[in-house]
């Protein structure tokens, strides 16, 4: 199994789930459970937590138990690792970054950490933008993800349940388009440009 600990910042009902409201004590309890059941656990993911806490946690995991990262801001550093430990990627931003992320991971497989970081490192600015102002409300980043999927030709409309396509401004989505285009993420750039112009026209924005 994979243990995914979503902390109380994202779900208040999980406060004290691991026996304490203190995050350090809760983590200690969590690690004890992992150690006692290591033969049944493929890996663990704790979200959200600070970069240094994830690095410390993965160092303390039993041998053979993976650390899956959900850190959409520090992922290049965490995936590249420190030479001894690394985090496996299980995070949302790799969805719109899939073509570039796949190329970067191939570099990592070849042992070229510098090339991996060179490819994936700059994409953090796109992640910061897509998650901008979301807090713990995951709806808003999904709007950007869905918009980029539409521009990429993966779906034939830009509509979401509860009209969440309106949760981001035209200016925000235009910046998302510009960033994705700069990273060559669109399979058909002409289609992406056409749909971007269509969206802006429908939103009443004139170039």
N, C-alpha and C. Protein backbone atom coordinates (compact mmCIF):
# COMPACT_ATOMS: atom_id res chain seq x y z
N UNK A 1 0.83 -1.18 0.00
CA UNK A 1 0.00 0.00 0.00
C UNK A 1 0.88 1.25 0.00
N UNK A 2 0.26 2.37 -0.36
CA UNK A 2 0.88 3.69 -0.23
C UNK A 2 0.12 4.45 0.84
N UNK A 3 0.82 4.92 1.88
CA UNK A 3 0.20 5.73 2.92
C UNK A 3 0.25 7.19 2.51
N UNK A 4 -0.90 7.79 2.36
CA UNK A 4 -0.97 9.21 1.98
C UNK A 4 -1.58 9.95 3.16
N UNK A 5 -0.75 10.69 3.86
CA UNK A 5 -1.18 11.46 5.03
C UNK A 5 -1.46 12.90 4.59
N UNK A 6 -2.72 13.21 4.42
CA UNK A 6 -3.13 14.59 4.13
C UNK A 6 -3.36 15.27 5.47
N UNK A 7 -2.56 16.28 5.76
CA UNK A 7 -2.60 16.90 7.08
C UNK A 7 -3.79 17.83 7.25
N UNK A 8 -3.99 18.28 8.48
CA UNK A 8 -5.21 19.01 8.84
C UNK A 8 -5.35 20.36 8.14
N UNK A 9 -4.24 20.91 7.60
CA UNK A 9 -4.35 22.17 6.86
C UNK A 9 -5.23 22.01 5.63
N UNK A 10 -5.30 20.79 5.11
CA UNK A 10 -6.15 20.53 3.95
C UNK A 10 -7.48 19.90 4.35
N UNK A 11 -7.50 19.24 5.49
CA UNK A 11 -8.73 18.62 5.99
C UNK A 11 -8.73 18.72 7.52
N UNK A 12 -9.41 19.72 8.08
CA UNK A 12 -9.41 19.92 9.53
C UNK A 12 -9.84 18.69 10.31
N UNK A 13 -10.62 17.81 9.68
CA UNK A 13 -11.07 16.60 10.35
C UNK A 13 -9.95 15.63 10.67
N UNK A 14 -8.76 15.85 10.09
CA UNK A 14 -7.63 14.95 10.33
C UNK A 14 -6.74 15.42 11.46
N UNK A 15 -7.12 16.50 12.14
CA UNK A 15 -6.32 16.98 13.26
C UNK A 15 -6.17 15.89 14.32
N UNK A 16 -4.93 15.62 14.73
CA UNK A 16 -4.69 14.60 15.74
C UNK A 16 -4.80 13.18 15.25
N UNK A 17 -4.87 12.98 13.93
CA UNK A 17 -5.10 11.64 13.39
C UNK A 17 -4.02 10.65 13.83
N UNK A 18 -2.76 11.12 13.90
CA UNK A 18 -1.67 10.22 14.30
C UNK A 18 -1.33 10.36 15.78
N UNK A 19 -2.36 10.66 16.58
CA UNK A 19 -2.20 10.58 18.02
C UNK A 19 -1.75 11.85 18.70
N UNK A 20 -1.54 12.93 17.94
CA UNK A 20 -1.11 14.17 18.56
C UNK A 20 -1.37 15.33 17.61
N UNK A 21 -1.67 16.49 18.20
CA UNK A 21 -1.81 17.71 17.40
C UNK A 21 -0.46 18.33 17.10
N UNK A 22 0.57 17.91 17.82
CA UNK A 22 1.92 18.41 17.57
C UNK A 22 2.50 17.71 16.35
N UNK A 23 2.91 18.44 15.30
CA UNK A 23 3.35 17.79 14.06
C UNK A 23 4.57 16.90 14.23
N UNK A 24 5.49 17.28 15.13
CA UNK A 24 6.68 16.45 15.34
C UNK A 24 6.33 15.13 16.00
N UNK A 25 5.46 15.19 17.01
CA UNK A 25 5.03 13.96 17.69
C UNK A 25 4.22 13.08 16.74
N UNK A 26 3.34 13.71 15.96
CA UNK A 26 2.54 12.95 14.99
C UNK A 26 3.43 12.25 13.99
N UNK A 27 4.48 12.94 13.53
CA UNK A 27 5.39 12.32 12.56
C UNK A 27 6.13 11.14 13.18
N UNK A 28 6.53 11.28 14.43
CA UNK A 28 7.19 10.16 15.10
C UNK A 28 6.26 8.95 15.16
N UNK A 29 5.00 9.18 15.51
CA UNK A 29 4.03 8.08 15.56
C UNK A 29 3.83 7.46 14.19
N UNK A 30 3.76 8.31 13.19
CA UNK A 30 3.60 7.87 11.81
C UNK A 30 4.76 6.96 11.40
N UNK A 31 5.98 7.38 11.72
CA UNK A 31 7.17 6.60 11.34
C UNK A 31 7.22 5.26 12.07
N UNK A 32 6.71 5.22 13.30
CA UNK A 32 6.65 3.95 14.03
C UNK A 32 5.72 2.97 13.31
N UNK A 33 4.56 3.46 12.89
CA UNK A 33 3.61 2.60 12.16
C UNK A 33 4.23 2.10 10.87
N UNK A 34 4.93 2.99 10.16
CA UNK A 34 5.58 2.59 8.91
C UNK A 34 6.63 1.50 9.18
N UNK A 35 7.44 1.71 10.19
CA UNK A 35 8.50 0.73 10.50
C UNK A 35 7.92 -0.62 10.87
N UNK A 36 6.81 -0.62 11.60
CA UNK A 36 6.22 -1.88 12.04
C UNK A 36 5.49 -2.60 10.92
N UNK A 37 5.23 -1.91 9.82
CA UNK A 37 4.49 -2.51 8.70
C UNK A 37 5.22 -2.35 7.38
N UNK A 38 6.54 -2.24 7.44
CA UNK A 38 7.32 -1.93 6.25
C UNK A 38 7.16 -2.95 5.13
N UNK A 39 6.87 -4.18 5.48
CA UNK A 39 6.73 -5.21 4.44
C UNK A 39 5.44 -5.06 3.65
N UNK A 40 4.50 -4.26 4.18
CA UNK A 40 3.22 -4.07 3.50
C UNK A 40 3.13 -2.71 2.81
N UNK A 41 4.14 -1.85 3.02
CA UNK A 41 4.04 -0.47 2.55
C UNK A 41 5.02 -0.24 1.40
N UNK A 42 4.48 0.18 0.28
CA UNK A 42 5.33 0.53 -0.87
C UNK A 42 6.00 1.87 -0.64
N UNK A 43 5.22 2.86 -0.14
CA UNK A 43 5.77 4.18 0.08
C UNK A 43 4.81 5.05 0.86
N UNK A 44 5.28 6.26 1.19
CA UNK A 44 4.48 7.19 1.96
C UNK A 44 4.53 8.57 1.33
N UNK A 45 3.49 9.33 1.57
CA UNK A 45 3.41 10.71 1.12
C UNK A 45 2.72 11.52 2.20
N UNK A 46 3.36 12.60 2.64
CA UNK A 46 2.79 13.47 3.65
C UNK A 46 2.63 14.86 3.03
N UNK A 47 1.43 15.40 3.09
CA UNK A 47 1.15 16.67 2.43
C UNK A 47 0.20 17.50 3.30
N UNK A 48 0.48 18.77 3.49
CA UNK A 48 1.71 19.46 3.08
C UNK A 48 2.75 19.43 4.19
N UNK A 49 4.02 19.59 3.82
CA UNK A 49 5.07 19.74 4.81
C UNK A 49 6.23 20.49 4.17
N UNK A 50 7.08 21.06 5.00
CA UNK A 50 8.19 21.85 4.51
C UNK A 50 9.25 20.96 3.87
N UNK A 51 10.05 21.59 3.01
CA UNK A 51 11.09 20.87 2.28
C UNK A 51 12.01 20.11 3.22
N UNK A 52 12.51 20.77 4.26
CA UNK A 52 13.47 20.11 5.15
C UNK A 52 12.83 18.97 5.93
N UNK A 53 11.53 19.08 6.20
CA UNK A 53 10.85 18.00 6.91
C UNK A 53 10.71 16.77 6.02
N UNK A 54 10.42 16.97 4.73
CA UNK A 54 10.34 15.82 3.83
C UNK A 54 11.70 15.15 3.69
N UNK A 55 12.76 15.95 3.58
CA UNK A 55 14.10 15.39 3.46
C UNK A 55 14.44 14.57 4.70
N UNK A 56 14.09 15.08 5.87
CA UNK A 56 14.35 14.35 7.12
C UNK A 56 13.51 13.09 7.19
N UNK A 57 12.24 13.18 6.80
CA UNK A 57 11.36 12.01 6.88
C UNK A 57 11.85 10.90 5.96
N UNK A 58 12.19 11.24 4.72
CA UNK A 58 12.60 10.18 3.79
C UNK A 58 13.90 9.52 4.23
N UNK A 59 14.77 10.27 4.90
CA UNK A 59 16.01 9.72 5.41
C UNK A 59 15.75 8.66 6.49
N UNK A 60 14.64 8.82 7.18
CA UNK A 60 14.33 7.95 8.31
C UNK A 60 13.39 6.79 7.94
N UNK A 61 12.97 6.72 6.72
CA UNK A 61 12.09 5.63 6.32
C UNK A 61 12.87 4.32 6.27
N UNK A 62 12.20 3.20 6.56
CA UNK A 62 12.88 1.91 6.47
C UNK A 62 13.34 1.63 5.03
N UNK A 63 14.39 0.88 4.90
CA UNK A 63 14.89 0.53 3.57
C UNK A 63 13.79 -0.16 2.76
N UNK A 64 13.63 0.28 1.53
CA UNK A 64 12.62 -0.30 0.66
C UNK A 64 11.30 0.45 0.64
N UNK A 65 11.09 1.36 1.58
CA UNK A 65 9.87 2.18 1.61
C UNK A 65 10.16 3.51 0.93
N UNK A 66 9.44 3.81 -0.11
CA UNK A 66 9.69 5.01 -0.90
C UNK A 66 9.06 6.24 -0.25
N UNK A 67 9.62 7.39 -0.56
CA UNK A 67 9.02 8.67 -0.21
C UNK A 67 8.46 9.28 -1.48
N UNK A 68 7.16 9.50 -1.52
CA UNK A 68 6.51 10.14 -2.66
C UNK A 68 6.29 11.61 -2.34
N UNK A 69 6.78 12.49 -3.20
CA UNK A 69 6.62 13.91 -2.93
C UNK A 69 5.36 14.46 -3.59
N UNK A 70 4.71 15.36 -2.87
CA UNK A 70 3.59 16.12 -3.44
C UNK A 70 3.90 17.60 -3.42
N UNK A 71 5.19 17.94 -3.28
CA UNK A 71 5.62 19.33 -3.17
C UNK A 71 5.70 19.93 -4.57
N UNK A 72 4.72 20.76 -4.91
CA UNK A 72 4.65 21.33 -6.25
C UNK A 72 5.53 22.55 -6.42
N UNK A 73 6.39 22.86 -5.45
CA UNK A 73 7.29 24.00 -5.55
C UNK A 73 8.76 23.58 -5.50
N UNK A 74 9.06 22.53 -4.77
CA UNK A 74 10.46 22.10 -4.59
C UNK A 74 10.75 20.78 -5.30
N UNK A 75 9.90 20.40 -6.22
CA UNK A 75 10.01 19.06 -6.81
C UNK A 75 11.33 18.80 -7.55
N UNK A 76 11.95 19.76 -8.25
CA UNK A 76 13.22 19.42 -8.90
C UNK A 76 14.28 18.99 -7.90
N UNK A 77 14.39 19.70 -6.78
CA UNK A 77 15.37 19.37 -5.75
C UNK A 77 15.06 18.02 -5.12
N UNK A 78 13.80 17.77 -4.80
CA UNK A 78 13.42 16.55 -4.11
C UNK A 78 13.56 15.32 -5.00
N UNK A 79 13.22 15.45 -6.27
CA UNK A 79 13.32 14.31 -7.19
C UNK A 79 14.78 14.01 -7.49
N UNK A 80 15.59 15.05 -7.69
CA UNK A 80 17.01 14.86 -7.99
C UNK A 80 17.72 14.18 -6.83
N UNK A 81 17.30 14.51 -5.60
CA UNK A 81 17.88 13.87 -4.43
C UNK A 81 19.20 14.47 -4.00
N UNK A 82 19.76 13.89 -2.95
CA UNK A 82 20.99 14.41 -2.35
C UNK A 82 22.17 13.46 -2.52
N UNK A 83 22.02 12.49 -3.41
CA UNK A 83 23.08 11.51 -3.61
C UNK A 83 22.88 10.24 -2.83
N UNK A 84 22.08 10.32 -1.76
CA UNK A 84 21.78 9.15 -0.94
C UNK A 84 20.30 8.81 -0.98
N UNK A 85 19.46 9.82 -0.85
CA UNK A 85 18.01 9.63 -0.87
C UNK A 85 17.40 10.58 -1.89
N UNK A 86 16.25 10.17 -2.41
CA UNK A 86 15.48 11.03 -3.31
C UNK A 86 14.00 10.76 -3.11
N UNK A 87 13.18 11.68 -3.58
CA UNK A 87 11.73 11.50 -3.50
C UNK A 87 11.19 11.11 -4.87
N UNK A 88 10.23 10.21 -4.87
CA UNK A 88 9.55 9.83 -6.11
C UNK A 88 8.42 10.84 -6.38
N UNK A 89 8.16 11.07 -7.64
CA UNK A 89 7.18 12.10 -8.02
C UNK A 89 5.76 11.56 -7.99
N UNK A 90 4.92 12.20 -7.20
CA UNK A 90 3.50 11.89 -7.17
C UNK A 90 2.79 13.21 -6.91
N UNK A 91 2.83 14.08 -7.91
CA UNK A 91 2.36 15.45 -7.71
C UNK A 91 1.69 15.99 -8.96
N UNK A 92 0.79 16.97 -8.72
CA UNK A 92 -0.08 17.45 -9.78
C UNK A 92 0.61 18.17 -10.90
N UNK A 93 1.64 18.97 -10.62
CA UNK A 93 2.20 19.83 -11.65
C UNK A 93 2.80 19.04 -12.80
N UNK A 94 3.13 17.77 -12.59
CA UNK A 94 3.70 16.98 -13.68
C UNK A 94 2.67 16.66 -14.76
N UNK A 95 1.39 16.93 -14.47
CA UNK A 95 0.37 16.72 -15.50
C UNK A 95 0.57 17.66 -16.69
N UNK A 96 0.51 18.99 -16.49
CA UNK A 96 0.74 19.87 -17.64
C UNK A 96 2.18 19.85 -18.13
N UNK A 97 3.11 19.42 -17.28
CA UNK A 97 4.52 19.39 -17.66
C UNK A 97 4.95 18.05 -18.25
N UNK A 98 4.01 17.16 -18.51
CA UNK A 98 4.36 15.77 -18.84
C UNK A 98 5.44 15.60 -19.90
N UNK A 99 5.35 16.25 -21.07
CA UNK A 99 6.39 16.02 -22.09
C UNK A 99 7.77 16.44 -21.61
N UNK A 100 7.86 17.59 -20.97
CA UNK A 100 9.14 18.09 -20.51
C UNK A 100 9.64 17.27 -19.32
N UNK A 101 8.73 16.91 -18.42
CA UNK A 101 9.12 16.11 -17.26
C UNK A 101 9.65 14.75 -17.69
N UNK A 102 9.04 14.16 -18.71
CA UNK A 102 9.50 12.86 -19.19
C UNK A 102 10.92 12.96 -19.73
N UNK A 103 11.20 14.02 -20.47
CA UNK A 103 12.55 14.23 -21.00
C UNK A 103 13.54 14.44 -19.86
N UNK A 104 13.12 15.18 -18.84
CA UNK A 104 14.01 15.44 -17.71
C UNK A 104 14.31 14.15 -16.95
N UNK A 105 13.31 13.34 -16.72
CA UNK A 105 13.51 12.09 -15.97
C UNK A 105 14.42 11.14 -16.75
N UNK A 106 14.34 11.16 -18.07
CA UNK A 106 15.25 10.33 -18.86
C UNK A 106 16.71 10.76 -18.62
N UNK A 107 16.93 12.07 -18.47
CA UNK A 107 18.27 12.55 -18.15
C UNK A 107 18.71 12.03 -16.78
N UNK A 108 17.78 12.03 -15.85
CA UNK A 108 18.09 11.54 -14.51
C UNK A 108 18.39 10.04 -14.54
N UNK A 109 17.66 9.30 -15.35
CA UNK A 109 17.91 7.87 -15.50
C UNK A 109 19.31 7.61 -16.05
N UNK A 110 19.79 8.56 -16.88
CA UNK A 110 21.13 8.44 -17.45
C UNK A 110 22.22 8.91 -16.49
N UNK A 111 21.80 9.37 -15.31
CA UNK A 111 22.77 9.84 -14.34
C UNK A 111 23.18 11.29 -14.51
N UNK A 112 22.48 12.01 -15.39
CA UNK A 112 22.83 13.41 -15.66
C UNK A 112 21.92 14.32 -14.85
N UNK A 113 22.25 14.50 -13.58
CA UNK A 113 21.42 15.31 -12.69
C UNK A 113 21.41 16.77 -13.12
N UNK A 114 22.54 17.26 -13.63
CA UNK A 114 22.62 18.65 -14.06
C UNK A 114 21.64 18.93 -15.20
N UNK A 115 21.58 18.02 -16.17
CA UNK A 115 20.66 18.20 -17.30
C UNK A 115 19.21 18.10 -16.84
N UNK A 116 18.95 17.20 -15.89
CA UNK A 116 17.60 17.09 -15.32
C UNK A 116 17.19 18.41 -14.70
N UNK A 117 18.05 18.98 -13.87
CA UNK A 117 17.73 20.24 -13.19
C UNK A 117 17.60 21.38 -14.19
N UNK A 118 18.43 21.38 -15.21
CA UNK A 118 18.37 22.42 -16.23
C UNK A 118 17.03 22.40 -16.96
N UNK A 119 16.50 21.21 -17.21
CA UNK A 119 15.21 21.08 -17.89
C UNK A 119 14.04 21.39 -16.98
N UNK A 120 14.05 20.81 -15.78
CA UNK A 120 12.86 20.90 -14.93
C UNK A 120 12.89 22.09 -13.99
N UNK A 121 14.06 22.55 -13.61
CA UNK A 121 14.17 23.64 -12.65
C UNK A 121 13.38 24.89 -13.03
N UNK A 122 13.50 25.38 -14.27
CA UNK A 122 12.79 26.60 -14.65
C UNK A 122 11.27 26.47 -14.61
N UNK A 123 10.75 25.24 -14.62
CA UNK A 123 9.29 25.07 -14.66
C UNK A 123 8.64 25.43 -13.34
N UNK A 124 9.43 25.61 -12.29
CA UNK A 124 8.85 25.97 -10.99
C UNK A 124 8.06 27.27 -11.09
N UNK A 125 8.50 28.18 -11.96
CA UNK A 125 7.77 29.43 -12.11
C UNK A 125 6.35 29.20 -12.63
N UNK A 126 6.18 28.20 -13.48
CA UNK A 126 4.85 27.86 -13.97
C UNK A 126 4.01 27.24 -12.85
N UNK A 127 4.62 26.41 -12.03
CA UNK A 127 3.91 25.81 -10.92
C UNK A 127 3.47 26.89 -9.93
N UNK A 128 4.35 27.82 -9.62
CA UNK A 128 3.99 28.92 -8.73
C UNK A 128 2.80 29.68 -9.28
N UNK A 129 2.79 29.88 -10.59
CA UNK A 129 1.68 30.64 -11.19
C UNK A 129 0.37 29.87 -11.11
N UNK A 130 0.40 28.59 -11.48
CA UNK A 130 -0.83 27.80 -11.50
C UNK A 130 -1.42 27.62 -10.10
N UNK A 131 -0.56 27.56 -9.09
CA UNK A 131 -1.02 27.39 -7.72
C UNK A 131 -1.19 28.73 -6.99
N UNK A 132 -0.94 29.81 -7.67
CA UNK A 132 -0.98 31.13 -7.05
C UNK A 132 -2.30 31.40 -6.34
N UNK A 133 -2.20 31.76 -5.05
CA UNK A 133 -3.38 32.18 -4.32
C UNK A 133 -4.38 31.08 -4.03
N UNK A 134 -4.00 29.80 -4.23
CA UNK A 134 -4.97 28.72 -4.03
C UNK A 134 -5.16 28.39 -2.56
N UNK A 135 -4.14 28.68 -1.73
CA UNK A 135 -4.23 28.24 -0.34
C UNK A 135 -4.39 26.73 -0.33
N UNK A 136 -5.42 26.28 0.36
CA UNK A 136 -5.69 24.85 0.40
C UNK A 136 -6.92 24.50 -0.43
N UNK A 137 -7.38 25.44 -1.25
CA UNK A 137 -8.55 25.18 -2.10
C UNK A 137 -8.05 24.73 -3.46
N UNK A 138 -8.07 23.42 -3.67
CA UNK A 138 -7.45 22.85 -4.86
C UNK A 138 -8.23 23.14 -6.14
N UNK A 139 -9.43 23.71 -6.03
CA UNK A 139 -10.19 23.98 -7.25
C UNK A 139 -9.44 24.88 -8.20
N UNK A 140 -8.76 25.88 -7.68
CA UNK A 140 -8.23 26.92 -8.53
C UNK A 140 -7.09 26.45 -9.41
N UNK A 141 -6.21 25.60 -8.89
CA UNK A 141 -5.16 25.11 -9.77
C UNK A 141 -5.74 24.18 -10.83
N UNK A 142 -6.82 23.49 -10.50
CA UNK A 142 -7.42 22.60 -11.49
C UNK A 142 -7.97 23.38 -12.68
N UNK A 143 -8.38 24.62 -12.44
CA UNK A 143 -8.85 25.45 -13.55
C UNK A 143 -7.73 25.64 -14.56
N UNK A 144 -6.55 25.98 -14.08
CA UNK A 144 -5.41 26.16 -14.98
C UNK A 144 -5.02 24.88 -15.68
N UNK A 145 -5.06 23.76 -14.95
CA UNK A 145 -4.71 22.48 -15.55
C UNK A 145 -5.69 22.13 -16.68
N UNK A 146 -6.98 22.34 -16.40
CA UNK A 146 -8.00 22.02 -17.40
C UNK A 146 -7.87 22.92 -18.62
N UNK A 147 -7.57 24.18 -18.38
CA UNK A 147 -7.38 25.13 -19.48
C UNK A 147 -6.23 24.70 -20.38
N UNK A 148 -5.11 24.31 -19.79
CA UNK A 148 -3.96 23.89 -20.58
C UNK A 148 -4.23 22.58 -21.32
N UNK A 149 -5.03 21.70 -20.70
CA UNK A 149 -5.41 20.46 -21.38
C UNK A 149 -6.24 20.77 -22.62
N UNK A 150 -7.14 21.75 -22.51
CA UNK A 150 -7.95 22.15 -23.66
C UNK A 150 -7.07 22.77 -24.75
N UNK A 151 -6.18 23.66 -24.36
CA UNK A 151 -5.28 24.28 -25.35
C UNK A 151 -4.41 23.23 -26.03
N UNK A 152 -4.08 22.18 -25.31
CA UNK A 152 -3.22 21.12 -25.86
C UNK A 152 -3.97 20.17 -26.77
N UNK A 153 -5.30 20.30 -26.84
CA UNK A 153 -6.08 19.42 -27.69
C UNK A 153 -6.50 18.13 -27.04
N UNK A 154 -6.33 18.02 -25.72
CA UNK A 154 -6.68 16.78 -25.03
C UNK A 154 -8.18 16.68 -24.74
N UNK A 155 -8.91 17.79 -24.89
CA UNK A 155 -10.36 17.78 -24.75
C UNK A 155 -10.92 18.87 -25.65
N UNK A 156 -12.20 18.76 -25.99
CA UNK A 156 -12.75 19.65 -27.00
C UNK A 156 -13.53 20.82 -26.40
N UNK A 157 -13.38 21.06 -25.11
CA UNK A 157 -14.08 22.19 -24.47
C UNK A 157 -13.33 22.61 -23.23
N UNK A 158 -13.65 23.81 -22.77
CA UNK A 158 -13.10 24.29 -21.51
C UNK A 158 -14.28 24.59 -20.58
N UNK A 159 -14.83 23.51 -20.05
CA UNK A 159 -15.94 23.63 -19.10
C UNK A 159 -15.66 22.69 -17.94
N UNK A 160 -16.05 23.12 -16.74
CA UNK A 160 -15.82 22.34 -15.54
C UNK A 160 -17.10 22.31 -14.71
N UNK A 161 -17.19 21.31 -13.83
CA UNK A 161 -18.36 21.25 -12.97
C UNK A 161 -18.41 22.49 -12.08
N UNK A 162 -19.61 22.90 -11.73
CA UNK A 162 -19.85 24.09 -10.91
C UNK A 162 -19.26 25.34 -11.54
N UNK A 163 -19.08 25.31 -12.87
CA UNK A 163 -18.55 26.47 -13.62
C UNK A 163 -17.19 26.92 -13.10
N UNK A 164 -16.36 25.98 -12.67
CA UNK A 164 -15.07 26.34 -12.11
C UNK A 164 -14.11 26.89 -13.16
N UNK A 165 -14.47 26.82 -14.45
CA UNK A 165 -13.64 27.45 -15.46
C UNK A 165 -13.58 28.97 -15.28
N UNK A 166 -14.53 29.49 -14.48
CA UNK A 166 -14.55 30.93 -14.23
C UNK A 166 -13.78 31.33 -12.97
N UNK A 167 -13.13 30.36 -12.32
CA UNK A 167 -12.45 30.65 -11.06
C UNK A 167 -11.11 31.37 -11.26
N UNK A 168 -10.63 31.42 -12.49
CA UNK A 168 -9.41 32.14 -12.80
C UNK A 168 -9.71 33.24 -13.83
N UNK A 169 -9.02 34.36 -13.71
CA UNK A 169 -9.24 35.49 -14.61
C UNK A 169 -8.61 35.24 -15.98
N UNK A 170 -9.09 35.92 -17.00
CA UNK A 170 -8.44 35.82 -18.32
C UNK A 170 -6.96 36.17 -18.25
N UNK A 171 -6.59 37.15 -17.42
CA UNK A 171 -5.19 37.52 -17.31
C UNK A 171 -4.35 36.37 -16.75
N UNK A 172 -4.88 35.69 -15.73
CA UNK A 172 -4.16 34.56 -15.14
C UNK A 172 -3.98 33.44 -16.17
N UNK A 173 -5.04 33.12 -16.89
CA UNK A 173 -4.96 32.02 -17.86
C UNK A 173 -4.10 32.40 -19.06
N UNK A 174 -4.09 33.67 -19.42
CA UNK A 174 -3.23 34.11 -20.51
C UNK A 174 -1.76 33.92 -20.13
N UNK A 175 -1.43 34.22 -18.86
CA UNK A 175 -0.05 34.02 -18.39
C UNK A 175 0.28 32.53 -18.39
N UNK A 176 -0.67 31.69 -18.01
CA UNK A 176 -0.44 30.24 -18.04
C UNK A 176 -0.13 29.79 -19.47
N UNK A 177 -0.86 30.32 -20.42
CA UNK A 177 -0.62 30.00 -21.83
C UNK A 177 0.80 30.41 -22.24
N UNK A 178 1.19 31.63 -21.87
CA UNK A 178 2.51 32.13 -22.24
C UNK A 178 3.63 31.26 -21.66
N UNK A 179 3.46 30.86 -20.40
CA UNK A 179 4.48 30.02 -19.77
C UNK A 179 4.56 28.65 -20.43
N UNK A 180 3.41 28.04 -20.67
CA UNK A 180 3.39 26.72 -21.30
C UNK A 180 3.98 26.78 -22.71
N UNK A 181 3.68 27.84 -23.43
CA UNK A 181 4.21 28.00 -24.78
C UNK A 181 5.72 28.18 -24.74
N UNK A 182 6.22 28.92 -23.74
CA UNK A 182 7.66 29.14 -23.62
C UNK A 182 8.40 27.84 -23.35
N UNK A 183 7.73 26.89 -22.70
CA UNK A 183 8.34 25.59 -22.41
C UNK A 183 8.04 24.55 -23.51
N UNK A 184 7.41 24.99 -24.61
CA UNK A 184 7.09 24.09 -25.73
C UNK A 184 6.25 22.90 -25.30
N UNK A 185 5.25 23.16 -24.47
CA UNK A 185 4.43 22.08 -23.94
C UNK A 185 3.23 21.72 -24.81
N UNK A 186 2.93 22.54 -25.81
CA UNK A 186 1.74 22.28 -26.63
C UNK A 186 2.08 21.37 -27.80
N UNK A 187 1.39 20.23 -27.93
CA UNK A 187 1.64 19.33 -29.06
C UNK A 187 1.40 20.01 -30.40
N UNK A 188 0.40 20.91 -30.45
CA UNK A 188 0.07 21.65 -31.66
C UNK A 188 -0.01 23.13 -31.30
N UNK A 189 1.10 23.87 -31.43
CA UNK A 189 1.11 25.28 -31.03
C UNK A 189 0.08 26.12 -31.77
N UNK A 190 -0.18 25.79 -33.03
CA UNK A 190 -1.16 26.57 -33.79
C UNK A 190 -2.56 26.39 -33.20
N UNK A 191 -2.89 25.15 -32.84
CA UNK A 191 -4.20 24.91 -32.21
C UNK A 191 -4.28 25.65 -30.88
N UNK A 192 -3.22 25.60 -30.11
CA UNK A 192 -3.22 26.29 -28.82
C UNK A 192 -3.43 27.79 -29.00
N UNK A 193 -2.77 28.37 -29.98
CA UNK A 193 -2.93 29.81 -30.23
C UNK A 193 -4.36 30.12 -30.67
N UNK A 194 -4.89 29.29 -31.54
CA UNK A 194 -6.27 29.49 -32.02
C UNK A 194 -7.26 29.45 -30.86
N UNK A 195 -7.10 28.47 -29.98
CA UNK A 195 -8.03 28.34 -28.86
C UNK A 195 -7.82 29.46 -27.84
N UNK A 196 -6.59 29.90 -27.69
CA UNK A 196 -6.33 31.02 -26.78
C UNK A 196 -7.03 32.27 -27.29
N UNK A 197 -6.93 32.52 -28.58
CA UNK A 197 -7.61 33.68 -29.16
C UNK A 197 -9.13 33.55 -29.04
N UNK A 198 -9.62 32.33 -29.23
CA UNK A 198 -11.06 32.09 -29.09
C UNK A 198 -11.52 32.39 -27.68
N UNK A 199 -10.74 31.91 -26.69
CA UNK A 199 -11.09 32.13 -25.28
C UNK A 199 -11.11 33.62 -24.96
N UNK A 200 -10.08 34.34 -25.40
CA UNK A 200 -10.01 35.76 -25.09
C UNK A 200 -11.15 36.53 -25.75
N UNK A 201 -11.50 36.15 -26.98
CA UNK A 201 -12.60 36.81 -27.66
C UNK A 201 -13.92 36.58 -26.92
N UNK A 202 -14.13 35.32 -26.50
CA UNK A 202 -15.35 34.99 -25.76
C UNK A 202 -15.41 35.73 -24.42
N UNK A 203 -14.21 36.01 -23.86
CA UNK A 203 -14.15 36.72 -22.57
C UNK A 203 -14.23 38.24 -22.75
N UNK A 204 -14.30 38.67 -24.02
CA UNK A 204 -14.41 40.11 -24.28
C UNK A 204 -13.09 40.84 -24.25
N UNK A 205 -11.99 40.06 -24.37
CA UNK A 205 -10.66 40.66 -24.38
C UNK A 205 -10.18 40.80 -25.81
N UNK A 206 -9.78 41.99 -26.21
CA UNK A 206 -9.28 42.22 -27.56
C UNK A 206 -7.79 42.46 -27.52
N UNK A 207 -7.09 41.90 -28.50
CA UNK A 207 -5.64 42.05 -28.54
C UNK A 207 -5.25 43.45 -28.98
